[in-house]
Amino acid sequence: MQVYRWQLHMVLSILHRMTGLALGAGTLLLAWWVLAIAAGPDAYRLFQDFITGILGRLILFGFTFALILHALNGIRHLFWDVGKGFELDTVRQSGLIVVILSVALTVITWAAGYWIAGRF
């Protein structure tokens, strides 16, 4: 690895795998939510207390970012699967677009959620 210089496409490849694992782990949170609903008001209140706390919101924010990054990078990979976008400049540009859009769409999603909830 010491002969290689880190490049964006290498980081995105690793992040794609990591976000896939994070999304898999995030389904446990979804399962907790469903089970809490089924278990009754006390269990749901416990879930709500966790998810609305600082740690819960950080986890949800990370999950949102992971979902968006994984989806956008997956679309990029679909283009590669059909043989498009392998030129070095295109690989760099598409990687940068994925990163910028992932950050922007995550922030927009959370801002819209707060706006809809009337917390602004």
Protein backbone atom coordinates (compact mmCIF):
# COMPACT_ATOMS: atom_id res chain seq x y z
CA MET A 1 0.00 0.00 0.00
CA GLN A 2 2.95 2.34 0.45
CA VAL A 3 3.54 2.56 -3.27
CA TYR A 4 0.02 3.93 -3.85
CA ARG A 5 -1.09 7.48 -3.23
CA TRP A 6 -4.59 7.74 -1.76
CA GLN A 7 -7.11 8.98 -4.28
CA LEU A 8 -10.79 9.80 -4.06
CA HIS A 9 -11.96 6.69 -5.92
CA MET A 10 -10.07 4.50 -3.44
CA VAL A 11 -11.68 6.25 -0.47
CA LEU A 12 -15.12 6.01 -2.08
CA SER A 13 -14.65 2.31 -2.68
CA ILE A 14 -13.91 1.75 1.00
CA LEU A 15 -16.74 4.10 2.05
CA HIS A 16 -19.16 2.22 -0.20
CA ARG A 17 -18.43 -0.99 1.67
CA MET A 18 -18.54 0.74 5.07
CA THR A 19 -21.86 2.44 4.32
CA GLY A 20 -23.27 -0.90 3.21
CA LEU A 21 -22.32 -2.35 6.59
CA ALA A 22 -23.72 0.71 8.38
CA LEU A 23 -27.01 0.35 6.53
CA GLY A 24 -27.18 -3.28 7.56
CA ALA A 25 -26.57 -2.33 11.18
CA GLY A 26 -29.12 0.46 10.85
CA THR A 27 -31.80 -2.10 10.12
CA LEU A 28 -31.41 -3.18 13.75
CA LEU A 29 -32.56 0.30 14.74
CA LEU A 30 -35.53 -0.08 12.42
CA ALA A 31 -36.30 -3.47 13.97
CA TRP A 32 -36.13 -1.92 17.45
CA TRP A 33 -38.61 0.74 16.35
CA VAL A 34 -41.08 -1.83 14.98
CA LEU A 35 -40.74 -4.05 18.06
CA ALA A 36 -41.21 -1.02 20.34
CA ILE A 37 -44.45 -0.16 18.54
CA ALA A 38 -45.66 -3.74 18.95
CA ALA A 39 -44.61 -3.95 22.61
CA GLY A 40 -46.68 -0.99 23.74
CA PRO A 41 -46.41 2.61 24.96
CA ASP A 42 -43.66 2.06 27.55
CA ALA A 43 -41.34 0.33 25.09
CA TYR A 44 -42.07 2.95 22.44
CA ARG A 45 -41.37 5.77 24.90
CA LEU A 46 -37.99 4.19 25.67
CA PHE A 47 -37.22 4.08 21.94
CA GLN A 48 -38.38 7.69 21.50
CA ASP A 49 -36.22 8.85 24.41
CA PHE A 50 -33.17 7.23 22.80
CA ILE A 51 -33.80 8.31 19.23
CA THR A 52 -34.55 11.94 20.11
CA GLY A 53 -31.43 12.24 22.27
CA ILE A 54 -28.04 13.41 21.03
CA LEU A 55 -26.69 9.91 20.35
CA GLY A 56 -29.87 8.84 18.57
CA ARG A 57 -29.86 11.90 16.33
CA LEU A 58 -26.18 11.41 15.51
CA ILE A 59 -26.89 7.80 14.56
CA LEU A 60 -29.84 8.87 12.39
CA PHE A 61 -27.77 11.61 10.76
CA GLY A 62 -25.01 9.09 10.00
CA PHE A 63 -27.58 6.63 8.70
CA THR A 64 -29.02 9.30 6.40
CA PHE A 65 -25.56 10.15 5.07
CA ALA A 66 -24.71 6.46 4.61
CA LEU A 67 -27.95 5.83 2.73
CA ILE A 68 -27.46 8.76 0.37
CA LEU A 69 -23.75 8.13 -0.25
CA HIS A 70 -24.34 4.42 -0.83
CA ALA A 71 -27.20 5.11 -3.25
CA LEU A 72 -25.32 7.76 -5.25
CA ASN A 73 -22.15 5.68 -5.41
CA GLY A 74 -24.29 2.71 -6.45
CA ILE A 75 -25.64 4.75 -9.37
CA ARG A 76 -22.05 5.58 -10.29
CA HIS A 77 -21.24 1.87 -10.25
CA LEU A 78 -24.22 1.15 -12.51
CA PHE A 79 -22.70 3.42 -15.14
CA TRP A 80 -19.42 1.56 -14.76
CA ASP A 81 -21.25 -1.75 -15.17
CA VAL A 82 -22.32 -0.70 -18.66
CA GLY A 83 -18.81 0.53 -19.51
CA LYS A 84 -19.36 4.28 -19.09
CA GLY A 85 -17.26 6.75 -17.13
CA PHE A 86 -13.93 4.95 -16.87
CA GLU A 87 -11.85 7.88 -18.15
CA LEU A 88 -9.63 9.22 -15.34
CA ASP A 89 -11.14 12.71 -15.42
CA THR A 90 -14.65 11.26 -15.37
CA VAL A 91 -13.81 8.99 -12.44
CA ARG A 92 -12.50 11.98 -10.47
CA GLN A 93 -15.42 14.21 -11.39
CA SER A 94 -18.08 11.61 -10.64
CA GLY A 95 -16.44 10.83 -7.29
CA LEU A 96 -16.42 14.50 -6.36
CA ILE A 97 -20.05 14.84 -7.44
CA VAL A 98 -21.00 11.85 -5.25
CA VAL A 99 -19.29 13.39 -2.19
CA ILE A 100 -20.73 16.89 -2.70
CA LEU A 101 -24.25 15.63 -3.41
CA SER A 102 -24.12 13.24 -0.44
CA VAL A 103 -23.26 16.02 1.98
CA ALA A 104 -25.71 18.48 0.41
CA LEU A 105 -28.63 16.04 0.23
CA THR A 106 -28.05 14.89 3.82
CA VAL A 107 -28.14 18.48 5.07
CA ILE A 108 -31.17 19.31 2.89
CA THR A 109 -33.01 16.21 4.12
CA TRP A 110 -32.45 17.10 7.77
CA ALA A 111 -33.24 20.78 7.23
CA ALA A 112 -36.48 19.84 5.46
CA GLY A 113 -37.37 17.47 8.30
CA TYR A 114 -36.88 20.20 10.89
CA TRP A 115 -38.77 22.69 8.73
CA ILE A 116 -41.70 20.31 8.26
CA ALA A 117 -41.74 19.58 11.99
CA GLY A 118 -41.84 23.33 12.65
CA ARG A 119 -38.66 23.41 14.71
CA PHE A 120 -36.96 26.24 12.81
